Amino acid sequence: MGGKHLFVLVHGLWGNHKHMNSIREVFSETLHESDNILFFSPRQNGYFKTFDGIEIIGYRTLLEICEYMSCFEKGEITKISFIGYSMGGLISRFIIGKIFTECHELFQHIEPQLFITFATPHLGVHFFLRDNHTGHQRAALKLLSALGTTILGRTGRQLFIQDSLPEKSVLVQLSSGDYLEGLARFKHRICVANVKNDRSVAFYTSFITDCDPFMDTGNRIKYEFEHNLPGENLKMVPRIINMDRLDPDASRPPREGFQVLRWILVLLICCALVFVLPLFFIANVLGTCYSYLATVNYQRMLHKGEGGVLLRRKLGLRDKIADTLRDTVGVLASDQEESLDADSGEPIVKENISWDDFINKYTCSWGSNSKTKFKALNFDAQRSNIYQNLDKLSWIRIPIYIKSLNAHDGIVARKGLKGTTPYSISGLQFVAQLVDFLISQ
């Protein structure tokens, strides 16, 4: 019996471990070495506990992982991979910065394999305005930013990079030092990014780029899909965008009756918000207050740099770690802009393309010639620093179109495989087959 390969599945804001069930199910069915594959979904950071801040959530998750590994008796764990969804990708990056330093006794002989994120805000959250924006759009985005940094607690301030002095912001720290070195130790890094209908995490931040052609064109740009893809027995052709073929002057024609439908939807959403938003706001405020009171002592320890001491005490690594903290939830509203009629699901077109060809193409990021057609985003100093540091590493970047009411939900089939669209399933199957190829090398 060979060594075991542990996949750690980390959910996002306002989430819980069940949000990762579809990933676990699809990967379990796809990976050929399934007998030696372990899946572990930490479950001590659900709902309001996700407001506690990346460090506290990270230490709490790391403790769960260490305890799982210490108690595992069905073989030796020799490899580890992380799959992070939304904010879970940031939590995973925090953990990666700690496992080879503060927990080196447990992880020094374990080989880092894959780091995978789905719709993760690697560059934080910021609402960029288009050149032709209106006054009410500017006001609305300012309001959203203000709400995000208040009602989402410590985590919200960190995601908006407003949690500390610029150089001490958590997201800035995650892109340097032990965190970046730990991330570089993984054989492969994959980020999967939504191109549309993700109102939680914009394309640029999940794709790790300083240019967003979809935001730049109001998402009216004509999509150019990859039809020649590797893979087999997929639900349908995954809608992966060929970034090099995007043309800012080529736009999709508006559908008949689209504006009328859109205004009806906007009106319905506004009516719903009149009743739902106050309840949502109160729940978030209460959750934020609870998170602060429950974790204030731990936050003091983190500010003093004593998080590692706390962890080691609990684990008994020559010292021991503290007790558990609190939880939080993250969920975002979405509207709909287009018809969701199911695709007919045409078969994969194969013209001698290999996984190696696909990986080489999508590791080369985005060709400079085609990228320069679009305007670079006006990053502040912190975001520029984060982007430049993360971009030093090689990434397999996958831009995908999930035809769903809420692509942020759909990219991981958060509600389960039975209640999702074929777009979501085919996307997960494709990534799982890519992973199967990578770990077989």
Protein backbone atom coordinates (compact mmCIF):
# COMPACT_ATOMS: atom_id res chain seq x y z
CA MET A 1 0.00 0.00 0.00
CA GLY A 2 1.42 3.38 -1.01
CA GLY A 3 1.40 6.58 0.97
CA LYS A 4 -1.83 8.54 1.28
CA HIS A 5 -2.50 11.81 -0.52
CA LEU A 6 -4.56 14.20 1.63
CA PHE A 7 -6.80 16.76 -0.08
CA VAL A 8 -7.92 19.50 2.31
CA LEU A 9 -11.16 21.21 1.19
CA VAL A 10 -11.70 24.68 2.65
CA HIS A 11 -15.01 26.56 2.24
CA GLY A 12 -15.54 30.31 2.05
CA LEU A 13 -17.28 33.23 3.74
CA TRP A 14 -20.76 32.52 5.16
CA GLY A 15 -20.15 28.90 4.26
CA ASN A 16 -19.80 25.48 5.83
CA HIS A 17 -18.06 22.21 4.99
CA LYS A 18 -21.08 20.94 3.02
CA HIS A 19 -20.35 23.52 0.31
CA MET A 20 -17.37 21.35 -0.67
CA ASN A 21 -19.38 18.12 -1.03
CA SER A 22 -19.76 18.35 -4.82
CA ILE A 23 -16.01 18.79 -5.27
CA ARG A 24 -15.39 15.79 -3.04
CA GLU A 25 -17.94 13.69 -4.96
CA VAL A 26 -16.68 14.56 -8.45
CA PHE A 27 -13.01 14.19 -7.50
CA SER A 28 -13.67 10.86 -5.77
CA GLU A 29 -15.29 9.50 -8.93
CA THR A 30 -12.56 10.85 -11.21
CA LEU A 31 -9.21 10.25 -9.53
CA HIS A 32 -7.78 6.88 -10.49
CA GLU A 33 -5.71 6.50 -7.33
CA SER A 34 -8.84 6.84 -5.21
CA ASP A 35 -7.74 4.15 -2.74
CA ASN A 36 -4.85 6.33 -1.68
CA ILE A 37 -6.74 9.64 -1.79
CA LEU A 38 -8.14 11.18 1.40
CA PHE A 39 -10.55 14.12 1.53
CA PHE A 40 -10.86 16.22 4.64
CA SER A 41 -13.25 19.16 5.01
CA PRO A 42 -12.60 21.16 8.21
CA ARG A 43 -15.90 22.04 9.86
CA GLN A 44 -15.09 24.35 12.78
CA ASN A 45 -15.40 27.58 10.78
CA GLY A 46 -19.00 27.64 9.62
CA TYR A 47 -21.30 30.60 9.18
CA PHE A 48 -20.60 33.51 11.56
CA LYS A 49 -17.21 32.11 12.54
CA THR A 50 -15.96 33.18 9.13
CA PHE A 51 -16.15 36.81 10.34
CA ASP A 52 -13.32 36.21 12.82
CA GLY A 53 -10.50 37.13 10.46
CA ILE A 54 -8.19 35.11 8.23
CA GLU A 55 -5.56 34.42 10.92
CA ILE A 56 -8.01 33.10 13.53
CA ILE A 57 -9.92 31.04 10.95
CA GLY A 58 -6.60 29.82 9.58
CA TYR A 59 -5.25 28.70 12.95
CA ARG A 60 -8.56 27.05 13.79
CA THR A 61 -8.50 25.16 10.47
CA LEU A 62 -4.84 24.25 10.86
CA LEU A 63 -5.59 22.77 14.27
CA GLU A 64 -8.29 20.56 12.72
CA ILE A 65 -5.91 19.38 10.00
CA CYS A 66 -3.17 18.57 12.50
CA GLU A 67 -5.56 16.67 14.76
CA TYR A 68 -6.93 14.72 11.77
CA MET A 69 -3.42 13.75 10.68
CA SER A 70 -2.35 12.82 14.20
CA CYS A 71 -5.37 10.52 14.63
CA PHE A 72 -5.21 8.93 11.15
CA GLU A 73 -4.28 5.25 11.51
CA LYS A 74 -4.98 3.73 8.08
CA GLY A 75 -1.58 4.37 6.57
CA GLU A 76 0.96 7.13 6.27
CA ILE A 77 0.06 10.51 4.79
CA THR A 78 2.91 11.43 2.44
CA LYS A 79 1.35 14.09 0.19
CA ILE A 80 -0.93 17.06 0.73
CA SER A 81 -3.03 19.28 -1.56
CA PHE A 82 -5.41 22.15 -0.85
CA ILE A 83 -8.66 23.05 -2.60
CA GLY A 84 -10.03 26.42 -1.52
CA TYR A 85 -13.38 27.89 -2.50
CA SER A 86 -13.77 31.67 -2.40
CA MET A 87 -12.21 32.96 0.84
CA GLY A 88 -11.19 29.36 1.54
CA GLY A 89 -8.34 29.87 -0.92
CA LEU A 90 -6.96 32.68 1.26
CA ILE A 91 -7.38 30.57 4.39
CA SER A 92 -5.46 27.79 2.63
CA ARG A 93 -2.64 30.18 1.75
CA PHE A 94 -2.42 31.25 5.40
CA ILE A 95 -2.22 27.61 6.49
CA ILE A 96 0.44 26.84 3.89
CA GLY A 97 2.60 29.59 5.38
CA LYS A 98 2.39 27.88 8.78
CA ILE A 99 2.60 24.13 8.13
CA PHE A 100 6.29 24.13 7.24
CA THR A 101 7.29 26.57 9.97
CA GLU A 102 5.15 26.43 13.10
CA CYS A 103 4.08 22.80 12.48
CA HIS A 104 7.22 21.51 10.77
CA GLU A 105 7.37 18.39 12.99
CA LEU A 106 4.15 17.12 11.41
CA PHE A 107 4.71 18.28 7.84
CA GLN A 108 8.46 18.12 7.22
CA HIS A 109 8.21 14.75 5.42
CA ILE A 110 4.96 15.50 3.59
CA GLU A 111 5.23 16.50 -0.06
CA PRO A 112 3.15 19.51 -1.24
CA GLN A 113 1.35 18.63 -4.47
CA LEU A 114 -1.54 20.82 -5.68
CA PHE A 115 -2.96 24.16 -4.63
CA ILE A 116 -6.33 24.79 -6.28
CA THR A 117 -8.75 27.69 -5.86
CA PHE A 118 -12.24 28.32 -7.19
CA ALA A 119 -13.38 31.97 -7.31
CA THR A 120 -10.89 33.11 -4.66
CA PRO A 121 -10.24 36.88 -4.20
CA HIS A 122 -6.45 36.56 -4.26
CA LEU A 123 -6.06 40.30 -4.81
CA GLY A 124 -8.73 41.22 -2.30
CA VAL A 125 -12.08 42.84 -3.03
CA HIS A 126 -12.44 46.22 -4.69
CA PHE A 127 -15.19 47.65 -6.88
CA PHE A 128 -13.62 49.30 -9.90
CA LEU A 129 -15.66 51.82 -11.86
CA ARG A 130 -15.81 51.85 -15.65
CA ASP A 131 -14.84 55.03 -17.48
CA ASN A 132 -18.47 55.76 -18.38
CA HIS A 133 -19.83 55.20 -14.88
CA THR A 134 -22.72 57.25 -13.54
CA GLY A 135 -23.03 59.09 -10.26
CA HIS A 136 -25.44 56.57 -8.77
CA GLN A 137 -23.06 53.73 -9.67
CA ARG A 138 -20.24 55.45 -7.80
CA ALA A 139 -22.50 56.02 -4.78
CA ALA A 140 -23.72 52.41 -4.83
CA LEU A 141 -20.18 51.01 -4.92
CA LYS A 142 -19.08 53.27 -2.09
CA LEU A 143 -22.02 52.04 -0.04
CA LEU A 144 -21.17 48.40 -0.81
CA SER A 145 -17.55 48.97 0.19
CA ALA A 146 -18.62 50.61 3.45
CA LEU A 147 -20.98 47.75 4.24
CA GLY A 148 -18.37 45.14 3.33
CA THR A 149 -15.82 46.59 5.74
CA THR A 150 -18.29 46.83 8.61
CA ILE A 151 -20.94 44.11 8.61
CA LEU A 152 -18.50 41.37 7.55
CA GLY A 153 -16.40 41.91 10.64
CA ARG A 154 -12.64 41.59 10.76
CA THR A 155 -12.71 39.36 7.69
CA GLY A 156 -14.47 42.05 5.63
CA ARG A 157 -11.82 44.64 6.46
CA GLN A 158 -9.11 42.18 5.50
CA LEU A 159 -10.74 41.32 2.18
CA PHE A 160 -11.02 45.01 1.31
CA ILE A 161 -7.39 45.51 2.48
CA GLN A 162 -8.47 48.04 5.09
CA ASP A 163 -7.52 46.06 8.18
CA SER A 164 -4.19 47.62 9.10
CA LEU A 165 -1.29 49.74 7.95
CA PRO A 166 -0.68 49.06 4.24
CA GLU A 167 2.45 46.95 4.73
CA LYS A 168 0.87 44.96 7.58
CA SER A 169 -2.40 44.08 5.86
CA VAL A 170 -3.06 40.34 6.03
CA LEU A 171 -3.44 39.96 2.26
CA VAL A 172 -0.15 41.79 1.69
CA GLN A 173 1.57 39.48 4.17
CA LEU A 174 0.06 36.40 2.51
CA SER A 175 1.86 37.31 -0.73
CA SER A 176 5.34 37.41 0.79
CA GLY A 177 7.74 35.68 3.19
CA ASP A 178 6.88 32.21 4.49
CA TYR A 179 3.45 32.33 2.83
CA LEU A 180 4.83 32.85 -0.68
CA GLU A 181 7.70 30.42 -0.09
CA GLY A 182 5.26 27.77 1.12
CA LEU A 183 3.01 28.31 -1.91
CA ALA A 184 6.03 27.99 -4.21
CA ARG A 185 6.76 24.53 -2.79
CA PHE A 186 3.62 23.09 -4.39
CA LYS A 187 4.19 21.32 -7.70
CA HIS A 188 1.20 22.95 -9.35
CA ARG A 189 -1.05 25.92 -8.61
CA ILE A 190 -4.45 26.21 -10.30
CA CYS A 191 -6.93 29.08 -10.11
CA VAL A 192 -10.41 28.77 -11.64
CA ALA A 193 -12.17 32.09 -12.24
CA ASN A 194 -15.72 33.02 -13.24
CA VAL A 195 -16.02 35.40 -16.18
CA LYS A 196 -19.67 36.31 -15.55
CA ASN A 197 -22.46 36.28 -12.96
CA ASP A 198 -20.10 36.23 -9.99
CA ARG A 199 -21.01 39.30 -7.98
CA SER A 200 -18.98 38.16 -5.00
CA VAL A 201 -15.53 37.76 -6.54
CA ALA A 202 -14.57 39.65 -9.69
CA PHE A 203 -12.69 37.95 -12.51
CA TYR A 204 -9.42 39.88 -12.11
CA THR A 205 -8.91 38.93 -8.47
CA SER A 206 -9.68 35.21 -8.91
CA PHE A 207 -7.67 34.99 -12.16
CA ILE A 208 -4.75 36.94 -10.59
CA THR A 209 -4.42 39.59 -13.27
CA ASP A 210 -4.22 43.36 -13.51
CA CYS A 211 -6.64 43.50 -16.43
CA ASP A 212 -10.31 42.53 -16.65
CA PRO A 213 -11.77 42.47 -20.19
CA PHE A 214 -15.21 41.52 -18.87
CA MET A 215 -15.42 44.42 -16.45
CA ASP A 216 -13.81 46.72 -19.01
CA THR A 217 -16.58 46.06 -21.55
CA GLY A 218 -19.50 45.79 -19.17
CA ASN A 219 -19.38 42.05 -19.95
CA ARG A 220 -20.81 42.61 -23.41
CA ILE A 221 -17.67 41.25 -25.04
CA LYS A 222 -18.13 38.28 -27.35
CA TYR A 223 -16.91 35.11 -25.65
CA GLU A 224 -14.49 32.90 -27.55
CA PHE A 225 -14.66 29.38 -26.14
CA GLU A 226 -12.13 26.57 -26.31
CA HIS A 227 -13.81 23.72 -28.16
CA ASN A 228 -10.69 21.62 -28.62
CA LEU A 229 -10.12 20.36 -25.10
CA PRO A 230 -8.68 17.28 -23.43
CA GLY A 231 -10.92 15.19 -21.21
CA GLU A 232 -13.52 12.47 -21.64
CA ASN A 233 -16.99 11.48 -20.44
CA LEU A 234 -17.79 15.04 -19.41
CA LYS A 235 -21.37 16.17 -18.81
CA MET A 236 -20.89 18.69 -21.63
CA VAL A 237 -18.18 20.88 -23.08
CA PRO A 238 -16.95 23.13 -20.26
CA ARG A 239 -17.16 26.78 -21.29
CA ILE A 240 -13.50 27.75 -20.97
CA ILE A 241 -12.61 31.11 -22.47
CA ASN A 242 -9.79 31.49 -25.00
CA MET A 243 -8.37 34.73 -23.61
CA ASP A 244 -6.04 35.30 -26.56
CA ARG A 245 -8.98 35.53 -28.96
CA LEU A 246 -10.95 38.15 -27.02
CA ASP A 247 -11.56 41.32 -29.02
CA PRO A 248 -12.72 44.52 -27.24
CA ASP A 249 -14.48 45.61 -30.44
CA ALA A 250 -16.49 42.39 -30.75
CA SER A 251 -19.60 42.44 -28.60
CA ARG A 252 -22.50 40.07 -28.18
CA PRO A 253 -25.75 41.36 -29.72
CA PRO A 254 -28.38 42.27 -27.11
CA ARG A 255 -31.26 39.83 -26.84
CA GLU A 256 -34.78 40.88 -27.69
CA GLY A 257 -36.65 42.10 -24.67
CA PHE A 258 -33.48 41.99 -22.58
CA GLN A 259 -33.83 45.51 -21.15
CA VAL A 260 -37.48 44.96 -20.18
CA LEU A 261 -36.63 41.65 -18.52
CA ARG A 262 -33.70 43.22 -16.74
CA TRP A 263 -35.77 46.05 -15.29
CA ILE A 264 -38.45 43.61 -14.13
CA LEU A 265 -35.78 41.58 -12.36
CA VAL A 266 -34.24 44.69 -10.82
CA LEU A 267 -37.68 45.76 -9.56
CA LEU A 268 -38.34 42.34 -8.03
CA ILE A 269 -34.94 42.30 -6.38
CA CYS A 270 -35.46 45.79 -4.95
CA CYS A 271 -38.81 44.73 -3.51
CA ALA A 272 -37.23 41.65 -1.97
CA LEU A 273 -34.40 43.70 -0.50
CA VAL A 274 -36.85 45.97 1.29
CA PHE A 275 -37.81 42.97 3.42
CA VAL A 276 -34.66 40.83 3.32
CA LEU A 277 -31.88 43.42 3.59
CA PRO A 278 -32.83 44.71 7.07
CA LEU A 279 -32.88 41.15 8.43
CA PHE A 280 -29.61 40.35 6.68
CA PHE A 281 -28.05 43.55 8.03
CA ILE A 282 -29.16 42.87 11.61
CA ALA A 283 -27.91 39.28 11.43
CA ASN A 284 -24.53 40.42 10.14
CA VAL A 285 -24.16 43.14 12.76
CA LEU A 286 -25.00 40.68 15.53
CA GLY A 287 -22.60 38.17 14.02
CA THR A 288 -19.84 40.77 13.81
CA CYS A 289 -20.31 41.80 17.45
CA TYR A 290 -20.37 38.17 18.56
CA SER A 291 -17.24 37.42 16.55
CA TYR A 292 -15.39 40.34 18.10
CA LEU A 293 -16.35 39.49 21.68
CA ALA A 294 -15.62 35.80 21.19
CA THR A 295 -12.18 36.30 19.69
CA VAL A 296 -10.87 39.49 21.29
CA ASN A 297 -8.29 37.61 23.40
CA TYR A 298 -7.08 35.64 20.41
CA GLN A 299 -6.77 38.81 18.35
CA ARG A 300 -4.56 40.32 21.05
CA MET A 301 -2.34 37.24 20.94
CA LEU A 302 -2.10 37.42 17.15
CA HIS A 303 -1.08 41.08 17.32
CA LYS A 304 1.69 40.04 19.71
CA GLY A 305 2.82 37.31 17.32
CA GLU A 306 1.79 34.52 19.68
CA GLY A 307 -0.51 32.59 17.34
CA GLY A 308 2.10 29.92 16.69
CA VAL A 309 2.77 29.47 20.41
CA LEU A 310 -0.96 28.97 20.96
CA LEU A 311 -1.15 26.38 18.17
CA ARG A 312 1.86 24.41 19.38
CA ARG A 313 0.54 24.26 22.93
CA LYS A 314 -2.72 22.70 21.76
CA LEU A 315 -0.96 20.18 19.54
CA GLY A 316 1.60 19.26 22.17
CA LEU A 317 4.49 20.12 19.87
CA ARG A 318 6.88 20.73 22.71
CA ASP A 319 4.47 23.43 23.93
CA LYS A 320 0.54 22.93 23.11
CA ILE A 321 -2.46 25.25 21.30
CA ALA A 322 -5.53 27.01 22.66
CA ASP A 323 -9.18 26.30 22.40
CA THR A 324 -11.54 26.93 19.57
CA LEU A 325 -12.83 30.35 18.56
CA ARG A 326 -15.98 31.42 16.73
CA ASP A 327 -17.59 30.97 13.26
CA THR A 328 -19.15 33.09 10.56
CA VAL A 329 -21.07 32.89 7.38
CA GLY A 330 -20.78 34.61 3.99
CA VAL A 331 -23.37 34.72 1.28
CA LEU A 332 -23.95 37.22 -1.48
CA ALA A 333 -26.99 38.19 -3.47
CA SER A 334 -27.15 37.87 -7.21
CA ASP A 335 -29.43 38.93 -10.01
CA GLN A 336 -29.84 37.42 -13.43
CA GLU A 337 -29.04 38.91 -16.79
CA GLU A 338 -29.74 36.19 -19.26
CA SER A 339 -31.69 33.11 -20.21
CA LEU A 340 -30.64 29.96 -18.42
CA ASP A 341 -31.87 27.46 -20.97
CA ALA A 342 -29.77 24.32 -20.66
CA ASP A 343 -27.20 23.61 -23.31
CA SER A 344 -27.63 20.60 -25.54
CA GLY A 345 -24.27 19.37 -24.27
CA GLU A 346 -22.23 18.69 -27.41
CA PRO A 347 -19.41 16.12 -27.13
CA ILE A 348 -15.80 17.10 -26.55
CA VAL A 349 -13.94 17.83 -29.79
CA LYS A 350 -10.55 16.14 -29.77
CA GLU A 351 -7.95 16.98 -32.38
CA ASN A 352 -4.86 15.43 -30.83
CA ILE A 353 -4.79 17.98 -28.04
CA SER A 354 -3.18 16.66 -24.87
CA TRP A 355 -3.32 17.73 -21.26
CA ASP A 356 0.26 18.91 -21.69
CA ASP A 357 -0.84 21.23 -24.51
CA PHE A 358 -3.67 22.64 -22.41
CA ILE A 359 -1.45 23.11 -19.35
CA ASN A 360 1.27 24.84 -21.36
CA LYS A 361 -1.22 27.22 -22.92
CA TYR A 362 -3.00 28.14 -19.70
CA THR A 363 0.17 28.36 -17.64
CA CYS A 364 1.50 31.02 -19.96
CA SER A 365 -1.22 33.18 -18.50
CA TRP A 366 -2.47 35.62 -21.07
CA GLY A 367 -0.46 36.62 -24.12
CA SER A 368 0.88 40.15 -23.81
CA ASN A 369 -0.23 41.04 -27.34
CA SER A 370 -3.89 40.30 -26.65
CA LYS A 371 -3.81 41.57 -23.07
CA THR A 372 -2.65 45.03 -24.13
CA LYS A 373 -5.93 45.48 -26.02
CA PHE A 374 -7.58 46.08 -22.66
CA LYS A 375 -7.04 48.77 -20.07
CA ALA A 376 -4.99 47.90 -16.99
CA LEU A 377 -6.83 48.28 -13.68
CA ASN A 378 -5.86 51.14 -11.42
CA PHE A 379 -4.41 49.11 -8.54
CA ASP A 380 -3.31 50.79 -5.35
CA ALA A 381 0.17 50.07 -3.96
CA GLN A 382 -0.94 47.11 -1.82
CA ARG A 383 -2.86 45.40 -4.61
CA SER A 384 0.00 45.96 -7.05
CA ASN A 385 2.41 44.41 -4.57
CA ILE A 386 0.17 41.37 -4.04
CA TYR A 387 -0.30 40.88 -7.78
CA GLN A 388 3.39 41.19 -8.62
CA ASN A 389 4.40 38.71 -5.93
CA LEU A 390 1.77 36.09 -6.81
CA ASP A 391 2.49 36.51 -10.52
CA LYS A 392 6.10 35.43 -9.92
CA LEU A 393 4.80 31.90 -9.44
CA SER A 394 3.51 29.75 -12.29
CA TRP A 395 -0.27 29.24 -12.29
CA ILE A 396 -2.62 27.22 -14.44
CA ARG A 397 -5.29 29.88 -14.87
CA ILE A 398 -8.69 28.65 -16.05
CA PRO A 399 -11.31 31.28 -17.05
CA ILE A 400 -14.70 29.59 -17.10
CA TYR A 401 -18.25 30.61 -17.93
CA ILE A 402 -20.86 29.03 -15.67
CA LYS A 403 -24.33 29.69 -17.06
CA SER A 404 -26.11 30.06 -13.76
CA LEU A 405 -28.11 32.56 -11.74
CA ASN A 406 -25.24 32.69 -9.29
CA ALA A 407 -21.93 31.62 -10.80
CA HIS A 408 -20.16 32.07 -7.46
CA ASP A 409 -22.38 29.30 -6.15
CA GLY A 410 -22.30 27.32 -9.39
CA ILE A 411 -18.54 27.12 -9.84
CA VAL A 412 -18.41 24.48 -7.07
CA ALA A 413 -22.05 23.30 -7.32
CA ARG A 414 -22.51 24.50 -3.75
CA LYS A 415 -26.08 23.23 -3.43
CA GLY A 416 -25.17 19.73 -4.58
CA LEU A 417 -24.83 17.97 -7.93
CA LYS A 418 -28.55 17.19 -8.25
CA GLY A 419 -29.58 20.82 -7.95
CA THR A 420 -27.00 22.39 -10.24
CA THR A 421 -26.57 23.07 -13.96
CA PRO A 422 -24.60 20.90 -16.41
CA TYR A 423 -22.18 23.83 -16.74
CA SER A 424 -21.20 23.48 -13.10
CA ILE A 425 -20.81 19.71 -13.28
CA SER A 426 -18.74 19.77 -16.47
CA GLY A 427 -16.46 22.44 -14.98
CA LEU A 428 -15.80 20.34 -11.88
CA GLN A 429 -15.29 17.20 -13.97
CA PHE A 430 -12.79 19.00 -16.18
CA VAL A 431 -10.75 20.29 -13.24
CA ALA A 432 -10.88 16.85 -11.60
CA GLN A 433 -9.54 15.21 -14.77
CA LEU A 434 -6.80 17.83 -14.95
CA VAL A 435 -5.88 17.01 -11.35
CA ASP A 436 -5.92 13.29 -12.13
CA PHE A 437 -3.44 13.90 -14.94
CA LEU A 438 -1.16 16.04 -12.76
CA ILE A 439 -0.94 13.61 -9.86
CA SER A 440 -0.30 10.70 -12.22
CA GLN A 441 2.87 12.32 -13.57
